[in-house]
Amino acid sequence: MERSNELLVTAFAEALVEERKRAGLTQEDLAERAGVSVRFVSFLETGKRQPTLSALAAVSVGLGISMVEMISATEEGYLRLSGETHKAGEGTS
């Protein structure tokens, strides 16, 4: 299994930017709240870094949302970017 998925990384990056802006935060604000560097936030937002579970947890806390909400936003973007019109697991039996 490939460890990197460009569409998924892009979807996370786009979701992170959208959620940060929705929260009214700058990259600096988010970095401070998440306990990470501004450079790391920038790398996540530009897709230069692939998020770990620890990074997902940190930015979710910084944004004031749950990890589930961040993953859901990422999944929506991933499905849009990949051209899929259904959510994973729906319509299968």
Protein backbone atom coordinates (compact mmCIF):
# COMPACT_ATOMS: atom_id res chain seq x y z
CA MET A 1 0.00 0.00 0.00
CA GLU A 2 1.32 3.41 -0.95
CA ARG A 3 2.06 5.55 2.10
CA SER A 4 1.32 8.88 0.40
CA ASN A 5 -1.82 9.83 -1.46
CA GLU A 6 -1.51 13.23 -3.15
CA LEU A 7 -5.27 13.77 -3.43
CA LEU A 8 -5.76 12.97 0.24
CA VAL A 9 -2.93 15.28 1.30
CA THR A 10 -4.38 18.03 -0.91
CA ALA A 11 -7.86 17.48 0.53
CA PHE A 12 -6.48 17.76 4.08
CA ALA A 13 -4.58 20.92 3.15
CA GLU A 14 -7.68 22.53 1.66
CA ALA A 15 -9.84 21.50 4.62
CA LEU A 16 -7.28 22.89 7.05
CA VAL A 17 -7.18 26.27 5.30
CA GLU A 18 -10.99 26.40 5.15
CA GLU A 19 -11.44 25.45 8.82
CA ARG A 20 -8.73 27.90 9.93
CA LYS A 21 -10.36 30.74 8.02
CA ARG A 22 -13.80 29.74 9.31
CA ALA A 23 -12.39 29.99 12.84
CA GLY A 24 -11.01 33.45 12.03
CA LEU A 25 -7.44 32.40 12.76
CA THR A 26 -4.14 33.25 11.12
CA GLN A 27 -1.52 30.57 10.65
CA GLU A 28 0.28 32.10 13.61
CA ASP A 29 -2.85 31.88 15.79
CA LEU A 30 -3.41 28.26 14.85
CA ALA A 31 0.22 27.35 15.45
CA GLU A 32 0.13 28.87 18.93
CA ARG A 33 -3.15 27.16 19.84
CA ALA A 34 -2.00 23.81 18.41
CA GLY A 35 1.46 23.95 19.97
CA VAL A 36 3.25 23.62 16.65
CA SER A 37 5.38 25.94 14.54
CA VAL A 38 3.97 28.35 11.99
CA ARG A 39 6.20 26.65 9.43
CA PHE A 40 4.58 23.29 10.20
CA VAL A 41 1.08 24.78 9.73
CA SER A 42 2.25 26.29 6.44
CA PHE A 43 3.65 22.95 5.29
CA LEU A 44 0.36 21.21 6.14
CA GLU A 45 -1.66 23.88 4.33
CA THR A 46 0.46 23.64 1.19
CA GLY A 47 0.60 19.85 1.16
CA LYS A 48 4.36 19.80 1.71
CA ARG A 49 3.84 17.69 4.82
CA GLN A 50 1.52 14.75 5.28
CA PRO A 51 -0.32 14.97 8.61
CA THR A 52 0.21 12.35 11.29
CA LEU A 53 -2.46 11.44 13.81
CA SER A 54 -0.64 13.65 16.31
CA ALA A 55 -0.75 16.56 13.86
CA LEU A 56 -4.44 15.92 13.21
CA ALA A 57 -5.12 16.01 16.94
CA ALA A 58 -3.08 19.18 17.46
CA VAL A 59 -4.65 21.19 14.65
CA SER A 60 -8.13 20.00 15.61
CA VAL A 61 -7.59 21.27 19.15
CA GLY A 62 -6.18 24.50 17.76
CA LEU A 63 -9.24 24.94 15.55
CA GLY A 64 -11.63 24.08 18.37
CA ILE A 65 -13.16 21.18 16.43
CA SER A 66 -13.10 17.43 16.84
CA MET A 67 -10.77 15.18 14.88
CA VAL A 68 -13.91 13.63 13.37
CA GLU A 69 -14.95 17.03 11.99
CA MET A 70 -11.51 17.55 10.47
CA ILE A 71 -11.51 14.07 8.95
CA SER A 72 -15.03 14.59 7.61
CA ALA A 73 -14.02 17.85 5.94
CA THR A 74 -10.99 16.09 4.48
CA GLU A 75 -13.11 13.20 3.21
CA GLU A 76 -15.56 15.56 1.50
CA GLY A 77 -12.67 17.28 -0.27
CA TYR A 78 -11.08 13.96 -1.19
CA LEU A 79 -14.30 12.66 -2.73
CA ARG A 80 -14.72 15.92 -4.66
CA LEU A 81 -11.12 15.86 -5.92
CA SER A 82 -11.26 12.20 -6.87
CA GLY A 83 -14.56 12.59 -8.68
CA GLU A 84 -16.43 10.23 -6.39
CA THR A 85 -20.01 11.20 -5.65
CA HIS A 86 -20.71 8.87 -2.72
CA LYS A 87 -19.26 8.59 0.74
CA ALA A 88 -17.10 5.62 1.56
CA GLY A 89 -19.19 2.75 2.84
CA GLU A 90 -22.53 4.03 1.53
CA GLY A 91 -24.49 1.85 -0.80
CA THR A 92 -22.35 -1.22 -0.28
CA SER A 93 -23.53 -4.45 1.26
